[in-house]
Amino acid sequence: MFFRKNYAAPGPGIDPDAPEKTGAARFFEIIQLECVSLLQLNLLFLVSCIPILTIPPALFAMNLVVRRMVQDQPVDCFYHYRTAFIQHWKIAYPAFLIPFLLLGCSAYGAAFYLHRAADNLFLFLPFMLCSTIFLVTLLASTCLYGILETGKPLRQALVQSVLLGVGKPLRAIIAVFCDYGLLLIALVAFPLSIAYLLLLGFSVPCLLGHFFLRTVLKQYCSDSYTE
């Protein structure tokens, strides 16, 4: 069936004795194995975002499903998405709203003070503060869902996401481009990008972001939610 997988049935997969692939080879292996699931996931995410208020749990659920793909765990897209959506909606809202508000307020503050800094050089100080908060929040936000997937409390996950975002900036910067940059490009190209957005525009950038952060999260965050 389209939304169900029978993991007991024989079929193509990864040879357990084969050496583990890394880099681009590993990424395209995930794409090959999970291409149908990525299509399903993108459609599920879009449908569950229609009420607008459900965007935070939808985003949380999509990230948890993608993390399973990156960790080479079996993925039943509909089951795992629905389970994450229902079970973790309470933590999904603050996990979405805290970075969203910090990004919005710091971006507004940076623009506000930069516009007035030409007349008063001292206003460069609050501009730099707002810019720093914006950049740190942007980097940390790429790590947050992966850390929350381990079952850590929100406060601890927020602190650790800041430490990882700042401490491992190269991986976080790449994840920022994947998570936010690709979506921004698609939105700028709209309506030419409508087919891409409907089919893969959210699930694949999410997969890319988690793929580049997987080694960092594996090193510092080892425990996962249990079903």
N, C-alpha and C. Protein backbone atom coordinates (compact mmCIF):
# COMPACT_ATOMS: atom_id res chain seq x y z
N MET A 1 0.84 -1.19 0.00
CA MET A 1 0.00 0.00 0.00
C MET A 1 0.88 1.25 0.00
N PHE A 2 0.29 2.37 -0.37
CA PHE A 2 1.06 3.62 -0.54
C PHE A 2 1.61 4.14 0.78
N PHE A 3 0.82 4.01 1.86
CA PHE A 3 1.24 4.58 3.14
C PHE A 3 1.79 3.55 4.11
N ARG A 4 1.89 2.29 3.70
CA ARG A 4 2.35 1.26 4.61
C ARG A 4 3.49 0.49 3.98
N LYS A 5 4.41 0.03 4.82
CA LYS A 5 5.49 -0.82 4.36
C LYS A 5 5.49 -2.10 5.17
N ASN A 6 5.80 -3.21 4.51
CA ASN A 6 5.93 -4.48 5.20
C ASN A 6 7.42 -4.78 5.33
N TYR A 7 7.95 -4.55 6.51
CA TYR A 7 9.38 -4.71 6.69
C TYR A 7 9.79 -6.17 6.81
N ALA A 8 8.82 -7.07 6.98
CA ALA A 8 9.13 -8.49 7.06
C ALA A 8 9.28 -9.11 5.68
N ALA A 9 8.77 -8.45 4.65
CA ALA A 9 8.83 -8.98 3.29
C ALA A 9 10.20 -8.76 2.70
N PRO A 10 10.71 -9.76 1.94
CA PRO A 10 12.02 -9.57 1.30
C PRO A 10 11.93 -8.55 0.19
N GLY A 11 13.01 -7.90 -0.09
CA GLY A 11 13.01 -6.88 -1.14
C GLY A 11 14.35 -6.20 -1.18
N PRO A 12 14.51 -5.23 -2.08
CA PRO A 12 15.79 -4.54 -2.20
C PRO A 12 16.09 -3.72 -0.96
N GLY A 13 17.32 -3.58 -0.64
CA GLY A 13 17.71 -2.78 0.53
C GLY A 13 19.21 -2.70 0.61
N ILE A 14 19.73 -2.45 1.80
CA ILE A 14 21.17 -2.32 2.00
C ILE A 14 21.73 -3.65 2.47
N ASP A 15 22.77 -4.11 1.83
CA ASP A 15 23.46 -5.33 2.24
C ASP A 15 24.07 -5.11 3.61
N PRO A 16 23.67 -5.91 4.63
CA PRO A 16 24.20 -5.68 5.98
C PRO A 16 25.70 -5.86 6.08
N ASP A 17 26.31 -6.60 5.12
CA ASP A 17 27.75 -6.83 5.16
C ASP A 17 28.52 -5.80 4.33
N ALA A 18 27.80 -4.96 3.63
CA ALA A 18 28.46 -3.95 2.80
C ALA A 18 29.00 -2.83 3.67
N PRO A 19 30.16 -2.25 3.30
CA PRO A 19 30.70 -1.12 4.08
C PRO A 19 29.76 0.08 4.02
N GLU A 20 29.68 0.81 5.13
CA GLU A 20 28.78 1.96 5.19
C GLU A 20 29.26 3.07 4.26
N LYS A 21 28.33 3.58 3.47
CA LYS A 21 28.66 4.67 2.56
C LYS A 21 28.65 5.99 3.31
N THR A 22 29.42 6.93 2.80
CA THR A 22 29.49 8.25 3.42
C THR A 22 29.35 9.32 2.34
N GLY A 23 29.20 10.57 2.79
CA GLY A 23 29.16 11.69 1.87
C GLY A 23 28.01 11.62 0.89
N ALA A 24 28.29 12.04 -0.36
CA ALA A 24 27.26 12.11 -1.39
C ALA A 24 26.69 10.73 -1.69
N ALA A 25 27.53 9.69 -1.65
CA ALA A 25 27.04 8.34 -1.92
C ALA A 25 25.97 7.93 -0.92
N ARG A 26 26.19 8.26 0.35
CA ARG A 26 25.21 7.94 1.38
C ARG A 26 23.93 8.74 1.20
N PHE A 27 24.05 10.01 0.83
CA PHE A 27 22.87 10.85 0.64
C PHE A 27 22.00 10.32 -0.49
N PHE A 28 22.62 10.00 -1.63
CA PHE A 28 21.83 9.50 -2.77
C PHE A 28 21.29 8.10 -2.50
N GLU A 29 21.95 7.35 -1.62
CA GLU A 29 21.41 6.06 -1.20
C GLU A 29 20.12 6.26 -0.42
N ILE A 30 20.10 7.26 0.47
CA ILE A 30 18.87 7.57 1.22
C ILE A 30 17.77 8.02 0.26
N ILE A 31 18.13 8.88 -0.70
CA ILE A 31 17.15 9.35 -1.68
C ILE A 31 16.56 8.17 -2.45
N GLN A 32 17.41 7.23 -2.86
CA GLN A 32 16.94 6.08 -3.61
C GLN A 32 15.99 5.21 -2.80
N LEU A 33 16.35 4.98 -1.54
CA LEU A 33 15.55 4.10 -0.70
C LEU A 33 14.26 4.77 -0.21
N GLU A 34 14.30 6.10 -0.01
CA GLU A 34 13.18 6.78 0.62
C GLU A 34 12.47 7.77 -0.31
N CYS A 35 12.66 7.64 -1.62
CA CYS A 35 12.07 8.63 -2.53
C CYS A 35 10.55 8.67 -2.41
N VAL A 36 9.91 7.51 -2.29
CA VAL A 36 8.45 7.48 -2.15
C VAL A 36 8.04 8.08 -0.81
N SER A 37 8.77 7.74 0.23
CA SER A 37 8.46 8.29 1.56
C SER A 37 8.63 9.80 1.60
N LEU A 38 9.61 10.33 0.88
CA LEU A 38 9.81 11.78 0.83
C LEU A 38 8.65 12.48 0.14
N LEU A 39 8.13 11.86 -0.91
CA LEU A 39 6.94 12.40 -1.57
C LEU A 39 5.74 12.38 -0.64
N GLN A 40 5.54 11.25 0.03
CA GLN A 40 4.44 11.13 1.00
C GLN A 40 4.58 12.16 2.10
N LEU A 41 5.80 12.29 2.61
CA LEU A 41 6.04 13.20 3.73
C LEU A 41 5.76 14.64 3.34
N ASN A 42 6.16 15.04 2.16
CA ASN A 42 5.92 16.40 1.70
C ASN A 42 4.42 16.69 1.60
N LEU A 43 3.67 15.72 1.07
CA LEU A 43 2.22 15.89 0.94
C LEU A 43 1.55 15.91 2.31
N LEU A 44 1.98 15.02 3.21
CA LEU A 44 1.41 14.99 4.56
C LEU A 44 1.66 16.32 5.28
N PHE A 45 2.87 16.83 5.13
CA PHE A 45 3.22 18.10 5.77
C PHE A 45 2.34 19.24 5.26
N LEU A 46 2.18 19.34 3.95
CA LEU A 46 1.39 20.42 3.37
C LEU A 46 -0.07 20.32 3.79
N VAL A 47 -0.62 19.12 3.77
CA VAL A 47 -2.03 18.93 4.15
C VAL A 47 -2.24 19.28 5.62
N SER A 48 -1.33 18.84 6.48
CA SER A 48 -1.50 19.09 7.91
C SER A 48 -1.18 20.53 8.29
N CYS A 49 -0.60 21.32 7.36
CA CYS A 49 -0.35 22.74 7.63
C CYS A 49 -1.53 23.62 7.21
N ILE A 50 -2.52 23.05 6.54
CA ILE A 50 -3.63 23.85 6.02
C ILE A 50 -4.34 24.67 7.10
N PRO A 51 -4.57 24.11 8.31
CA PRO A 51 -5.22 24.95 9.34
C PRO A 51 -4.33 26.07 9.89
N ILE A 52 -3.08 26.19 9.44
CA ILE A 52 -2.12 27.21 9.87
C ILE A 52 -1.65 26.97 11.31
N LEU A 53 -2.59 26.84 12.24
CA LEU A 53 -2.23 26.64 13.64
C LEU A 53 -1.52 25.32 13.87
N THR A 54 -1.61 24.40 12.93
CA THR A 54 -0.98 23.09 13.09
C THR A 54 0.42 23.05 12.48
N ILE A 55 0.93 24.18 12.04
CA ILE A 55 2.27 24.19 11.44
C ILE A 55 3.35 23.70 12.41
N PRO A 56 3.38 24.15 13.69
CA PRO A 56 4.44 23.67 14.59
C PRO A 56 4.48 22.15 14.75
N PRO A 57 3.35 21.46 15.08
CA PRO A 57 3.45 20.00 15.18
C PRO A 57 3.74 19.33 13.84
N ALA A 58 3.28 19.93 12.74
CA ALA A 58 3.58 19.36 11.42
C ALA A 58 5.07 19.44 11.14
N LEU A 59 5.68 20.55 11.48
CA LEU A 59 7.12 20.73 11.28
C LEU A 59 7.91 19.78 12.17
N PHE A 60 7.46 19.63 13.40
CA PHE A 60 8.13 18.72 14.33
C PHE A 60 8.05 17.29 13.81
N ALA A 61 6.86 16.88 13.36
CA ALA A 61 6.66 15.52 12.87
C ALA A 61 7.52 15.25 11.64
N MET A 62 7.58 16.21 10.71
CA MET A 62 8.40 16.02 9.51
C MET A 62 9.87 15.84 9.88
N ASN A 63 10.36 16.63 10.82
CA ASN A 63 11.76 16.51 11.22
C ASN A 63 12.05 15.17 11.87
N LEU A 64 11.11 14.65 12.66
CA LEU A 64 11.34 13.35 13.30
C LEU A 64 11.35 12.22 12.28
N VAL A 65 10.49 12.29 11.28
CA VAL A 65 10.48 11.26 10.24
C VAL A 65 11.78 11.31 9.43
N VAL A 66 12.22 12.51 9.09
CA VAL A 66 13.47 12.66 8.34
C VAL A 66 14.66 12.16 9.14
N ARG A 67 14.65 12.39 10.44
CA ARG A 67 15.74 11.90 11.29
C ARG A 67 15.81 10.38 11.25
N ARG A 68 14.68 9.72 11.16
CA ARG A 68 14.67 8.25 11.05
C ARG A 68 15.35 7.83 9.75
N MET A 69 15.08 8.55 8.68
CA MET A 69 15.72 8.23 7.39
C MET A 69 17.23 8.38 7.49
N VAL A 70 17.68 9.48 8.07
CA VAL A 70 19.12 9.75 8.17
C VAL A 70 19.80 8.73 9.08
N GLN A 71 19.08 8.25 10.10
CA GLN A 71 19.64 7.28 11.03
C GLN A 71 19.49 5.85 10.53
N ASP A 72 19.00 5.68 9.31
CA ASP A 72 18.84 4.36 8.69
C ASP A 72 17.88 3.48 9.50
N GLN A 73 16.80 4.09 10.01
CA GLN A 73 15.76 3.35 10.71
C GLN A 73 14.58 3.14 9.78
N PRO A 74 13.81 2.05 9.97
CA PRO A 74 12.64 1.82 9.12
C PRO A 74 11.66 2.98 9.22
N VAL A 75 11.09 3.37 8.09
CA VAL A 75 10.17 4.50 8.05
C VAL A 75 8.85 4.06 7.45
N ASP A 76 7.81 4.09 8.26
CA ASP A 76 6.43 3.99 7.78
C ASP A 76 5.90 5.42 7.85
N CYS A 77 5.90 6.10 6.73
CA CYS A 77 5.73 7.55 6.71
C CYS A 77 4.46 8.00 7.42
N PHE A 78 3.34 7.42 7.04
CA PHE A 78 2.07 7.86 7.63
C PHE A 78 2.02 7.56 9.12
N TYR A 79 2.46 6.37 9.52
CA TYR A 79 2.41 5.98 10.94
C TYR A 79 3.33 6.85 11.79
N HIS A 80 4.57 6.99 11.38
CA HIS A 80 5.53 7.75 12.18
C HIS A 80 5.21 9.24 12.19
N TYR A 81 4.71 9.75 11.07
CA TYR A 81 4.33 11.16 11.04
C TYR A 81 3.14 11.42 11.96
N ARG A 82 2.13 10.59 11.85
CA ARG A 82 0.93 10.76 12.69
C ARG A 82 1.28 10.60 14.16
N THR A 83 2.11 9.62 14.49
CA THR A 83 2.49 9.39 15.88
C THR A 83 3.24 10.59 16.45
N ALA A 84 4.21 11.11 15.70
CA ALA A 84 4.97 12.27 16.17
C ALA A 84 4.07 13.50 16.29
N PHE A 85 3.18 13.67 15.35
CA PHE A 85 2.26 14.82 15.37
C PHE A 85 1.38 14.78 16.61
N ILE A 86 0.85 13.62 16.94
CA ILE A 86 -0.09 13.50 18.07
C ILE A 86 0.64 13.52 19.41
N GLN A 87 1.76 12.82 19.50
CA GLN A 87 2.42 12.65 20.79
C GLN A 87 3.26 13.85 21.22
N HIS A 88 3.78 14.62 20.27
CA HIS A 88 4.74 15.66 20.62
C HIS A 88 4.27 17.07 20.28
N TRP A 89 2.95 17.26 20.12
CA TRP A 89 2.47 18.58 19.74
C TRP A 89 2.71 19.62 20.84
N LYS A 90 2.72 19.17 22.09
CA LYS A 90 2.89 20.13 23.18
C LYS A 90 4.27 20.78 23.14
N ILE A 91 5.29 19.99 22.87
CA ILE A 91 6.65 20.56 22.81
C ILE A 91 6.90 21.22 21.46
N ALA A 92 6.11 20.86 20.45
CA ALA A 92 6.31 21.41 19.11
C ALA A 92 6.04 22.92 19.07
N TYR A 93 5.05 23.38 19.82
CA TYR A 93 4.71 24.81 19.78
C TYR A 93 5.81 25.69 20.35
N PRO A 94 6.31 25.44 21.56
CA PRO A 94 7.43 26.28 22.03
C PRO A 94 8.70 26.10 21.21
N ALA A 95 8.92 24.89 20.68
CA ALA A 95 10.11 24.67 19.84
C ALA A 95 10.04 25.49 18.56
N PHE A 96 8.84 25.77 18.10
CA PHE A 96 8.67 26.61 16.91
C PHE A 96 8.64 28.09 17.27
N LEU A 97 7.90 28.45 18.31
CA LEU A 97 7.66 29.85 18.61
C LEU A 97 8.90 30.56 19.16
N ILE A 98 9.70 29.89 19.99
CA ILE A 98 10.87 30.55 20.58
C ILE A 98 11.86 30.99 19.51
N PRO A 99 12.32 30.10 18.60
CA PRO A 99 13.21 30.59 17.53
C PRO A 99 12.52 31.58 16.60
N PHE A 100 11.24 31.37 16.31
CA PHE A 100 10.51 32.27 15.40
C PHE A 100 10.46 33.69 15.95
N LEU A 101 10.14 33.82 17.23
CA LEU A 101 10.05 35.14 17.84
C LEU A 101 11.43 35.79 17.96
N LEU A 102 12.44 35.00 18.32
CA LEU A 102 13.79 35.55 18.42
C LEU A 102 14.29 36.03 17.06
N LEU A 103 14.04 35.24 16.03
CA LEU A 103 14.47 35.64 14.69
C LEU A 103 13.74 36.90 14.23
N GLY A 104 12.42 36.93 14.45
CA GLY A 104 11.64 38.08 14.03
C GLY A 104 12.02 39.36 14.76
N CYS A 105 12.13 39.28 16.08
CA CYS A 105 12.46 40.48 16.88
C CYS A 105 13.88 40.96 16.61
N SER A 106 14.83 40.03 16.53
CA SER A 106 16.22 40.44 16.30
C SER A 106 16.41 41.00 14.89
N ALA A 107 15.70 40.44 13.90
CA ALA A 107 15.79 40.98 12.54
C ALA A 107 15.22 42.38 12.47
N TYR A 108 14.08 42.57 13.14
CA TYR A 108 13.49 43.91 13.16
C TYR A 108 14.40 44.90 13.89
N GLY A 109 14.97 44.47 15.01
CA GLY A 109 15.87 45.34 15.77
C GLY A 109 17.11 45.71 14.97
N ALA A 110 17.69 44.73 14.28
CA ALA A 110 18.88 45.00 13.48
C ALA A 110 18.58 46.01 12.37
N ALA A 111 17.45 45.83 11.69
CA ALA A 111 17.07 46.76 10.62
C ALA A 111 16.78 48.16 11.19
N PHE A 112 16.14 48.19 12.34
CA PHE A 112 15.77 49.46 12.97
C PHE A 112 17.02 50.27 13.34
N TYR A 113 17.96 49.62 14.02
CA TYR A 113 19.16 50.35 14.48
C TYR A 113 20.13 50.64 13.33
N LEU A 114 20.19 49.77 12.33
CA LEU A 114 21.08 50.02 11.20
C LEU A 114 20.62 51.26 10.43
N HIS A 115 19.32 51.42 10.30
CA HIS A 115 18.78 52.57 9.58
C HIS A 115 19.13 53.89 10.26
N ARG A 116 19.26 53.85 11.60
CA ARG A 116 19.53 55.07 12.36
C ARG A 116 20.99 55.23 12.76
N ALA A 117 21.80 54.19 12.46
CA ALA A 117 23.20 54.24 12.88
C ALA A 117 24.01 55.27 12.09
N ALA A 118 23.55 55.65 10.90
CA ALA A 118 24.29 56.64 10.12
C ALA A 118 24.32 57.99 10.82
N ASP A 119 23.30 58.29 11.63
CA ASP A 119 23.24 59.56 12.35
C ASP A 119 23.82 59.46 13.76
N ASN A 120 23.93 58.25 14.27
CA ASN A 120 24.44 58.06 15.63
C ASN A 120 25.23 56.76 15.66
N LEU A 121 26.56 56.87 15.69
CA LEU A 121 27.41 55.69 15.62
C LEU A 121 27.22 54.74 16.81
N PHE A 122 26.76 55.27 17.94
CA PHE A 122 26.54 54.42 19.11
C PHE A 122 25.44 53.39 18.86
N LEU A 123 24.58 53.66 17.89
CA LEU A 123 23.50 52.71 17.58
C LEU A 123 24.01 51.47 16.86
N PHE A 124 25.30 51.48 16.47
CA PHE A 124 25.87 50.25 15.92
C PHE A 124 25.98 49.16 16.99
N LEU A 125 26.06 49.55 18.26
CA LEU A 125 26.14 48.56 19.34
C LEU A 125 24.88 47.73 19.45
N PRO A 126 23.69 48.35 19.57
CA PRO A 126 22.48 47.51 19.58
C PRO A 126 22.26 46.79 18.25
N PHE A 127 22.73 47.39 17.14
CA PHE A 127 22.64 46.70 15.85
C PHE A 127 23.46 45.41 15.87
N MET A 128 24.67 45.48 16.39
CA MET A 128 25.53 44.30 16.47
C MET A 128 24.94 43.25 17.41
N LEU A 129 24.33 43.72 18.51
CA LEU A 129 23.70 42.79 19.44
C LEU A 129 22.55 42.05 18.77
N CYS A 130 21.67 42.78 18.09
CA CYS A 130 20.53 42.17 17.40
C CYS A 130 21.00 41.23 16.29
N SER A 131 22.04 41.64 15.57
CA SER A 131 22.56 40.80 14.49
C SER A 131 23.14 39.50 15.04
N THR A 132 23.83 39.59 16.17
CA THR A 132 24.41 38.40 16.79
C THR A 132 23.32 37.44 17.25
N ILE A 133 22.29 37.99 17.89
CA ILE A 133 21.17 37.15 18.33
C ILE A 133 20.51 36.46 17.14
N PHE A 134 20.35 37.21 16.05
CA PHE A 134 19.73 36.64 14.85
C PHE A 134 20.56 35.48 14.30
N LEU A 135 21.87 35.69 14.15
CA LEU A 135 22.73 34.67 13.57
C LEU A 135 22.83 33.43 14.46
N VAL A 136 22.97 33.65 15.77
CA VAL A 136 23.06 32.52 16.69
C VAL A 136 21.76 31.72 16.69
N THR A 137 20.62 32.42 16.70
CA THR A 137 19.34 31.73 16.67
C THR A 137 19.17 30.96 15.37
N LEU A 138 19.59 31.55 14.26
CA LEU A 138 19.48 30.88 12.97
C LEU A 138 20.29 29.59 12.95
N LEU A 139 21.52 29.63 13.45
CA LEU A 139 22.36 28.44 13.48
C LEU A 139 21.80 27.41 14.45
N ALA A 140 21.36 27.87 15.62
CA ALA A 140 20.86 26.95 16.64
C ALA A 140 19.58 26.26 16.19
N SER A 141 18.74 26.97 15.44
CA SER A 141 17.44 26.42 15.05
C SER A 141 17.59 25.18 14.16
N THR A 142 18.70 25.09 13.43
CA THR A 142 18.90 23.91 12.58
C THR A 142 19.19 22.66 13.40
N CYS A 143 19.72 22.84 14.60
CA CYS A 143 20.07 21.70 15.46
C CYS A 143 18.94 21.31 16.40
N LEU A 144 17.98 22.20 16.64
CA LEU A 144 17.02 22.04 17.72
C LEU A 144 16.18 20.79 17.58
N TYR A 145 15.60 20.55 16.41
CA TYR A 145 14.71 19.40 16.26
C TYR A 145 15.46 18.08 16.38
N GLY A 146 16.68 18.05 15.88
CA GLY A 146 17.47 16.84 16.02
C GLY A 146 17.78 16.52 17.47
N ILE A 147 18.00 17.54 18.29
CA ILE A 147 18.26 17.33 19.71
C ILE A 147 16.99 16.94 20.44
N LEU A 148 15.87 17.59 20.11
CA LEU A 148 14.61 17.23 20.74
C LEU A 148 14.21 15.80 20.42
N GLU A 149 14.63 15.30 19.26
CA GLU A 149 14.32 13.92 18.87
C GLU A 149 14.93 12.92 19.84
N THR A 150 15.98 13.32 20.55
CA THR A 150 16.61 12.42 21.51
C THR A 150 15.82 12.32 22.81
N GLY A 151 14.80 13.16 22.97
CA GLY A 151 13.98 13.12 24.18
C GLY A 151 14.42 14.07 25.27
N LYS A 152 15.38 14.94 24.96
CA LYS A 152 15.83 15.90 25.96
C LYS A 152 14.76 16.95 26.24
N PRO A 153 14.69 17.47 27.47
CA PRO A 153 13.75 18.56 27.78
C PRO A 153 14.03 19.78 26.93
N LEU A 154 13.00 20.60 26.72
CA LEU A 154 13.13 21.74 25.83
C LEU A 154 14.24 22.69 26.26
N ARG A 155 14.31 23.01 27.55
CA ARG A 155 15.33 23.95 28.02
C ARG A 155 16.73 23.43 27.73
N GLN A 156 16.97 22.17 28.02
CA GLN A 156 18.28 21.58 27.76
C GLN A 156 18.57 21.53 26.26
N ALA A 157 17.55 21.24 25.46
CA ALA A 157 17.72 21.18 24.01
C ALA A 157 18.04 22.56 23.44
N LEU A 158 17.41 23.60 23.98
CA LEU A 158 17.69 24.96 23.51
C LEU A 158 19.14 25.34 23.80
N VAL A 159 19.60 25.05 25.01
CA VAL A 159 20.98 25.37 25.36
C VAL A 159 21.96 24.60 24.48
N GLN A 160 21.70 23.31 24.32
CA GLN A 160 22.62 22.48 23.54
C GLN A 160 22.60 22.87 22.06
N SER A 161 21.44 23.28 21.56
CA SER A 161 21.38 23.70 20.15
C SER A 161 22.21 24.96 19.92
N VAL A 162 22.22 25.88 20.89
CA VAL A 162 23.05 27.08 20.78
C VAL A 162 24.53 26.69 20.80
N LEU A 163 24.90 25.80 21.70
CA LEU A 163 26.30 25.37 21.80
C LEU A 163 26.77 24.68 20.52
N LEU A 164 25.92 23.82 19.96
CA LEU A 164 26.29 23.12 18.73
C LEU A 164 26.30 24.06 17.54
N GLY A 165 25.31 24.97 17.48
CA GLY A 165 25.24 25.90 16.37
C GLY A 165 26.45 26.81 16.31
N VAL A 166 26.89 27.28 17.48
CA VAL A 166 28.05 28.17 17.55
C VAL A 166 29.35 27.37 17.51
N GLY A 167 29.35 26.20 18.16
CA GLY A 167 30.58 25.40 18.23
C GLY A 167 30.90 24.67 16.95
N LYS A 168 29.89 24.35 16.14
CA LYS A 168 30.08 23.67 14.86
C LYS A 168 29.43 24.50 13.76
N PRO A 169 29.95 25.70 13.52
CA PRO A 169 29.25 26.64 12.63
C PRO A 169 29.21 26.21 11.18
N LEU A 170 30.24 25.50 10.69
CA LEU A 170 30.26 25.13 9.28
C LEU A 170 29.08 24.23 8.94
N ARG A 171 28.87 23.19 9.73
CA ARG A 171 27.74 22.28 9.50
C ARG A 171 26.42 23.03 9.64
N ALA A 172 26.35 23.90 10.63
CA ALA A 172 25.11 24.63 10.86
C ALA A 172 24.83 25.61 9.72
N ILE A 173 25.86 26.24 9.18
CA ILE A 173 25.67 27.17 8.07
C ILE A 173 25.14 26.44 6.84
N ILE A 174 25.70 25.26 6.56
CA ILE A 174 25.21 24.47 5.43
C ILE A 174 23.75 24.08 5.65
N ALA A 175 23.42 23.70 6.90
CA ALA A 175 22.05 23.33 7.22
C ALA A 175 21.11 24.52 7.09
N VAL A 176 21.58 25.72 7.44
CA VAL A 176 20.77 26.93 7.27
C VAL A 176 20.43 27.14 5.80
N PHE A 177 21.43 26.98 4.93
CA PHE A 177 21.17 27.13 3.49
C PHE A 177 20.16 26.09 3.01
N CYS A 178 20.31 24.85 3.49
CA CYS A 178 19.39 23.79 3.06
C CYS A 178 17.98 24.04 3.58
N ASP A 179 17.86 24.35 4.86
CA ASP A 179 16.54 24.50 5.48
C ASP A 179 15.83 25.77 5.05
N TYR A 180 16.55 26.87 5.03
CA TYR A 180 15.93 28.17 4.77
C TYR A 180 16.23 28.70 3.36
N GLY A 181 17.48 28.51 2.92
CA GLY A 181 17.88 29.07 1.63
C GLY A 181 17.13 28.46 0.46
N LEU A 182 17.02 27.14 0.43
CA LEU A 182 16.33 26.48 -0.68
C LEU A 182 14.85 26.85 -0.69
N LEU A 183 14.25 26.96 0.49
CA LEU A 183 12.85 27.36 0.56
C LEU A 183 12.67 28.79 0.08
N LEU A 184 13.58 29.67 0.47
CA LEU A 184 13.50 31.06 0.04
C LEU A 184 13.63 31.18 -1.48
N ILE A 185 14.56 30.42 -2.06
CA ILE A 185 14.72 30.44 -3.51
C ILE A 185 13.45 29.97 -4.20
N ALA A 186 12.85 28.90 -3.67
CA ALA A 186 11.62 28.37 -4.26
C ALA A 186 10.48 29.37 -4.16
N LEU A 187 10.39 30.09 -3.03
CA LEU A 187 9.34 31.09 -2.86
C LEU A 187 9.54 32.27 -3.80
N VAL A 188 10.80 32.67 -4.00
CA VAL A 188 11.08 33.76 -4.93
C VAL A 188 10.71 33.36 -6.36
N ALA A 189 10.93 32.08 -6.69
CA ALA A 189 10.64 31.59 -8.04
C ALA A 189 9.17 31.22 -8.23
N PHE A 190 8.36 31.34 -7.21
CA PHE A 190 6.93 31.00 -7.31
C PHE A 190 6.26 31.92 -8.33
N PRO A 191 5.38 31.43 -9.21
CA PRO A 191 4.74 30.11 -9.24
C PRO A 191 5.47 29.05 -10.06
N LEU A 192 6.65 29.39 -10.63
CA LEU A 192 7.39 28.40 -11.42
C LEU A 192 7.79 27.19 -10.58
N SER A 193 7.94 27.40 -9.29
CA SER A 193 8.41 26.33 -8.39
C SER A 193 7.27 25.58 -7.72
N ILE A 194 6.04 25.77 -8.16
CA ILE A 194 4.90 25.20 -7.44
C ILE A 194 4.95 23.67 -7.43
N ALA A 195 5.37 23.06 -8.54
CA ALA A 195 5.46 21.60 -8.58
C ALA A 195 6.52 21.09 -7.59
N TYR A 196 7.65 21.78 -7.56
CA TYR A 196 8.72 21.41 -6.62
C TYR A 196 8.24 21.53 -5.18
N LEU A 197 7.55 22.62 -4.84
CA LEU A 197 7.07 22.82 -3.48
C LEU A 197 6.05 21.77 -3.09
N LEU A 198 5.19 21.39 -4.01
CA LEU A 198 4.15 20.40 -3.71
C LEU A 198 4.72 19.01 -3.52
N LEU A 199 5.78 18.67 -4.26
CA LEU A 199 6.27 17.30 -4.25
C LEU A 199 7.45 17.08 -3.31
N LEU A 200 8.42 18.01 -3.31
CA LEU A 200 9.66 17.77 -2.55
C LEU A 200 10.21 19.02 -1.87
N GLY A 201 9.51 20.15 -1.99
CA GLY A 201 10.07 21.42 -1.56
C GLY A 201 10.30 21.58 -0.08
N PHE A 202 9.71 20.71 0.75
CA PHE A 202 9.89 20.81 2.20
C PHE A 202 10.64 19.59 2.75
N SER A 203 10.32 18.41 2.25
CA SER A 203 10.93 17.20 2.79
C SER A 203 12.40 17.06 2.41
N VAL A 204 12.76 17.38 1.16
CA VAL A 204 14.15 17.22 0.73
C VAL A 204 15.08 18.24 1.39
N PRO A 205 14.73 19.55 1.45
CA PRO A 205 15.60 20.46 2.21
C PRO A 205 15.75 20.06 3.67
N CYS A 206 14.68 19.55 4.28
CA CYS A 206 14.76 19.06 5.66
C CYS A 206 15.72 17.89 5.75
N LEU A 207 15.65 16.98 4.77
CA LEU A 207 16.57 15.84 4.73
C LEU A 207 18.01 16.30 4.58
N LEU A 208 18.25 17.27 3.70
CA LEU A 208 19.60 17.79 3.51
C LEU A 208 20.17 18.39 4.79
N GLY A 209 19.34 19.19 5.48
CA GLY A 209 19.79 19.81 6.72
C GLY A 209 20.18 18.78 7.76
N HIS A 210 19.34 17.77 7.94
CA HIS A 210 19.64 16.72 8.93
C HIS A 210 20.83 15.88 8.48
N PHE A 211 20.98 15.69 7.17
CA PHE A 211 22.10 14.87 6.68
C PHE A 211 23.43 15.52 7.02
N PHE A 212 23.54 16.83 6.83
CA PHE A 212 24.80 17.51 7.11
C PHE A 212 25.08 17.63 8.61
N LEU A 213 24.02 17.57 9.42
CA LEU A 213 24.21 17.67 10.87
C LEU A 213 24.29 16.31 11.55
N ARG A 214 24.15 15.24 10.79
CA ARG A 214 24.00 13.92 11.40
C ARG A 214 25.20 13.50 12.23
N THR A 215 26.42 13.81 11.76
CA THR A 215 27.61 13.38 12.50
C THR A 215 27.77 14.17 13.79
N VAL A 216 27.41 15.46 13.76
CA VAL A 216 27.49 16.29 14.96
C VAL A 216 26.48 15.81 15.99
N LEU A 217 25.24 15.57 15.55
CA LEU A 217 24.21 15.11 16.47
C LEU A 217 24.50 13.71 16.98
N LYS A 218 25.08 12.86 16.14
CA LYS A 218 25.43 11.52 16.58
C LYS A 218 26.50 11.55 17.65
N GLN A 219 27.42 12.48 17.53
CA GLN A 219 28.53 12.58 18.49
C GLN A 219 28.06 13.10 19.84
N TYR A 220 27.15 14.08 19.83
CA TYR A 220 26.75 14.74 21.08
C TYR A 220 25.37 14.36 21.57
N CYS A 221 24.55 13.72 20.72
CA CYS A 221 23.18 13.36 21.11
C CYS A 221 22.94 11.93 20.65
N SER A 222 23.00 10.99 21.57
CA SER A 222 22.95 9.58 21.16
C SER A 222 21.61 8.91 21.43
N ASP A 223 20.83 9.40 22.38
CA ASP A 223 19.58 8.74 22.73
C ASP A 223 18.45 9.23 21.84
N SER A 224 17.48 8.34 21.57
CA SER A 224 16.35 8.69 20.72
C SER A 224 15.05 8.35 21.40
N TYR A 225 13.97 8.93 20.89
CA TYR A 225 12.65 8.56 21.37
C TYR A 225 12.42 7.08 21.10
N THR A 226 11.75 6.44 22.02
CA THR A 226 11.36 5.05 21.79
C THR A 226 9.88 5.00 21.53
N GLU A 227 9.47 4.05 20.70
CA GLU A 227 8.05 3.97 20.36
C GLU A 227 7.31 3.21 21.45
